[in-house]
Amino acid sequence: MWCVIWKKDNIYQIFTNIIFETEKKALEFKDKQKSMRKKHDCRVVEFDYKYFDGVNENEID
């Protein structure tokens, strides 16, 4: 399972409550979001509950 996270106030948090089956689908979703193209540092990562509370960059697997 994969999710999209974004950096807000130096913390990476889940961008949306949608969980994706594959990394490819998550990347397609991320690339379609206009607000994420250049403005925000966003990443596709394997789903983990820790992203709901937010993590620092060094905590991302």
N, C-alpha and C. Protein backbone atom coordinates (compact mmCIF):
# COMPACT_ATOMS: atom_id res chain seq x y z
N MET A 1 0.85 -1.17 0.00
CA MET A 1 0.00 0.00 0.00
C MET A 1 0.89 1.23 0.00
N TRP A 2 0.46 2.25 -0.71
CA TRP A 2 1.25 3.46 -0.91
C TRP A 2 0.41 4.69 -0.59
N CYS A 3 1.08 5.76 -0.19
CA CYS A 3 0.39 7.02 0.09
C CYS A 3 1.25 8.19 -0.38
N VAL A 4 0.63 9.35 -0.48
CA VAL A 4 1.33 10.57 -0.89
C VAL A 4 1.49 11.44 0.35
N ILE A 5 2.73 11.87 0.61
CA ILE A 5 2.99 12.77 1.73
C ILE A 5 3.54 14.08 1.17
N TRP A 6 3.36 15.15 1.95
CA TRP A 6 3.89 16.45 1.55
C TRP A 6 4.48 17.17 2.74
N LYS A 7 5.37 18.08 2.44
CA LYS A 7 6.08 18.81 3.48
C LYS A 7 5.33 20.10 3.80
N LYS A 8 4.97 20.25 5.06
CA LYS A 8 4.28 21.45 5.53
C LYS A 8 4.87 21.81 6.88
N ASP A 9 5.43 23.00 6.98
CA ASP A 9 6.08 23.46 8.21
C ASP A 9 7.18 22.51 8.66
N ASN A 10 8.01 22.06 7.71
CA ASN A 10 9.15 21.17 7.96
C ASN A 10 8.77 19.79 8.49
N ILE A 11 7.51 19.40 8.34
CA ILE A 11 7.03 18.08 8.74
C ILE A 11 6.33 17.45 7.53
N TYR A 12 6.63 16.18 7.28
CA TYR A 12 5.95 15.45 6.21
C TYR A 12 4.70 14.78 6.77
N GLN A 13 3.55 15.06 6.13
CA GLN A 13 2.27 14.51 6.55
C GLN A 13 1.55 13.92 5.35
N ILE A 14 0.57 13.08 5.63
CA ILE A 14 -0.24 12.51 4.55
C ILE A 14 -1.02 13.63 3.87
N PHE A 15 -0.97 13.66 2.55
CA PHE A 15 -1.66 14.69 1.77
C PHE A 15 -3.14 14.39 1.62
N THR A 16 -3.48 13.14 1.42
CA THR A 16 -4.86 12.75 1.20
C THR A 16 -5.15 11.44 1.94
N ASN A 17 -6.41 11.17 2.18
CA ASN A 17 -6.75 9.94 2.88
C ASN A 17 -6.87 8.74 1.94
N ILE A 18 -6.50 8.92 0.69
CA ILE A 18 -6.55 7.83 -0.28
C ILE A 18 -5.28 6.98 -0.15
N ILE A 19 -5.47 5.68 -0.06
CA ILE A 19 -4.36 4.73 -0.02
C ILE A 19 -4.36 3.98 -1.35
N PHE A 20 -3.21 3.87 -1.97
CA PHE A 20 -3.10 3.29 -3.31
C PHE A 20 -2.53 1.88 -3.25
N GLU A 21 -2.99 1.04 -4.19
CA GLU A 21 -2.52 -0.35 -4.27
C GLU A 21 -1.08 -0.43 -4.75
N THR A 22 -0.72 0.43 -5.69
CA THR A 22 0.61 0.36 -6.29
C THR A 22 1.29 1.72 -6.24
N GLU A 23 2.59 1.69 -6.33
CA GLU A 23 3.37 2.93 -6.37
C GLU A 23 3.03 3.72 -7.63
N LYS A 24 2.80 3.03 -8.72
CA LYS A 24 2.48 3.69 -9.99
C LYS A 24 1.20 4.52 -9.87
N LYS A 25 0.17 3.97 -9.24
CA LYS A 25 -1.09 4.71 -9.08
C LYS A 25 -0.90 5.93 -8.19
N ALA A 26 -0.10 5.79 -7.16
CA ALA A 26 0.17 6.92 -6.27
C ALA A 26 0.93 8.02 -7.00
N LEU A 27 1.90 7.63 -7.82
CA LEU A 27 2.65 8.62 -8.60
C LEU A 27 1.75 9.33 -9.61
N GLU A 28 0.85 8.60 -10.24
CA GLU A 28 -0.09 9.21 -11.18
C GLU A 28 -0.96 10.23 -10.47
N PHE A 29 -1.45 9.90 -9.28
CA PHE A 29 -2.27 10.83 -8.50
C PHE A 29 -1.47 12.08 -8.16
N LYS A 30 -0.25 11.90 -7.69
CA LYS A 30 0.61 13.03 -7.31
C LYS A 30 0.87 13.94 -8.50
N ASP A 31 1.13 13.36 -9.64
CA ASP A 31 1.45 14.15 -10.83
C ASP A 31 0.24 14.90 -11.37
N LYS A 32 -0.97 14.44 -11.08
CA LYS A 32 -2.18 15.11 -11.55
C LYS A 32 -2.57 16.31 -10.69
N GLN A 33 -2.06 16.38 -9.48
CA GLN A 33 -2.42 17.46 -8.56
C GLN A 33 -1.63 18.72 -8.92
N LYS A 34 -2.33 19.75 -9.37
CA LYS A 34 -1.67 20.99 -9.77
C LYS A 34 -0.91 21.63 -8.62
N SER A 35 -1.46 21.58 -7.43
CA SER A 35 -0.83 22.24 -6.28
C SER A 35 0.48 21.56 -5.88
N MET A 36 0.70 20.34 -6.33
CA MET A 36 1.88 19.60 -5.92
C MET A 36 3.01 19.64 -6.94
N ARG A 37 2.76 20.14 -8.09
CA ARG A 37 3.76 20.03 -9.16
C ARG A 37 5.06 20.73 -8.82
N LYS A 38 5.01 21.98 -8.38
CA LYS A 38 6.24 22.72 -8.11
C LYS A 38 6.27 23.31 -6.72
N LYS A 39 5.12 23.59 -6.19
CA LYS A 39 5.03 24.35 -4.95
C LYS A 39 5.48 23.58 -3.72
N HIS A 40 5.16 22.32 -3.65
CA HIS A 40 5.39 21.54 -2.44
C HIS A 40 6.36 20.40 -2.68
N ASP A 41 7.08 20.06 -1.63
CA ASP A 41 7.93 18.87 -1.66
C ASP A 41 7.04 17.69 -1.29
N CYS A 42 6.68 16.89 -2.26
CA CYS A 42 5.80 15.75 -1.99
C CYS A 42 6.47 14.48 -2.49
N ARG A 43 6.11 13.39 -1.84
CA ARG A 43 6.73 12.09 -2.14
C ARG A 43 5.69 10.99 -2.06
N VAL A 44 5.98 9.92 -2.76
CA VAL A 44 5.17 8.71 -2.67
C VAL A 44 5.97 7.73 -1.83
N VAL A 45 5.34 7.24 -0.76
CA VAL A 45 6.01 6.32 0.17
C VAL A 45 5.08 5.16 0.50
N GLU A 46 5.67 4.10 1.02
CA GLU A 46 4.84 2.99 1.50
C GLU A 46 4.04 3.47 2.70
N PHE A 47 2.78 3.06 2.77
CA PHE A 47 1.89 3.53 3.82
C PHE A 47 2.38 3.11 5.21
N ASP A 48 2.30 4.06 6.14
CA ASP A 48 2.61 3.81 7.54
C ASP A 48 1.81 4.81 8.36
N TYR A 49 1.26 4.38 9.49
CA TYR A 49 0.44 5.26 10.31
C TYR A 49 1.20 6.47 10.85
N LYS A 50 2.52 6.40 10.91
CA LYS A 50 3.30 7.51 11.46
C LYS A 50 3.13 8.78 10.64
N TYR A 51 2.74 8.67 9.38
CA TYR A 51 2.59 9.85 8.53
C TYR A 51 1.35 10.67 8.89
N PHE A 52 0.40 10.11 9.62
CA PHE A 52 -0.75 10.89 10.05
C PHE A 52 -0.34 11.99 11.02
N ASP A 53 0.57 11.67 11.92
CA ASP A 53 1.04 12.65 12.90
C ASP A 53 2.13 13.55 12.34
N GLY A 54 2.80 13.10 11.32
CA GLY A 54 3.88 13.86 10.71
C GLY A 54 5.23 13.35 11.17
N VAL A 55 6.20 13.42 10.28
CA VAL A 55 7.56 12.96 10.57
C VAL A 55 8.57 13.95 9.99
N ASN A 56 9.78 13.90 10.51
CA ASN A 56 10.88 14.68 9.95
C ASN A 56 11.44 13.94 8.74
N GLU A 57 12.22 14.64 7.95
CA GLU A 57 12.76 14.04 6.73
C GLU A 57 13.62 12.81 7.01
N ASN A 58 14.36 12.81 8.11
CA ASN A 58 15.22 11.67 8.41
C ASN A 58 14.45 10.44 8.89
N GLU A 59 13.16 10.56 9.16
CA GLU A 59 12.33 9.43 9.60
C GLU A 59 11.64 8.72 8.44
N ILE A 60 11.75 9.26 7.23
CA ILE A 60 11.11 8.66 6.07
C ILE A 60 11.94 7.47 5.62
N ASP A 61 11.28 6.34 5.41
CA ASP A 61 11.99 5.11 5.01
C ASP A 61 12.37 5.16 3.55
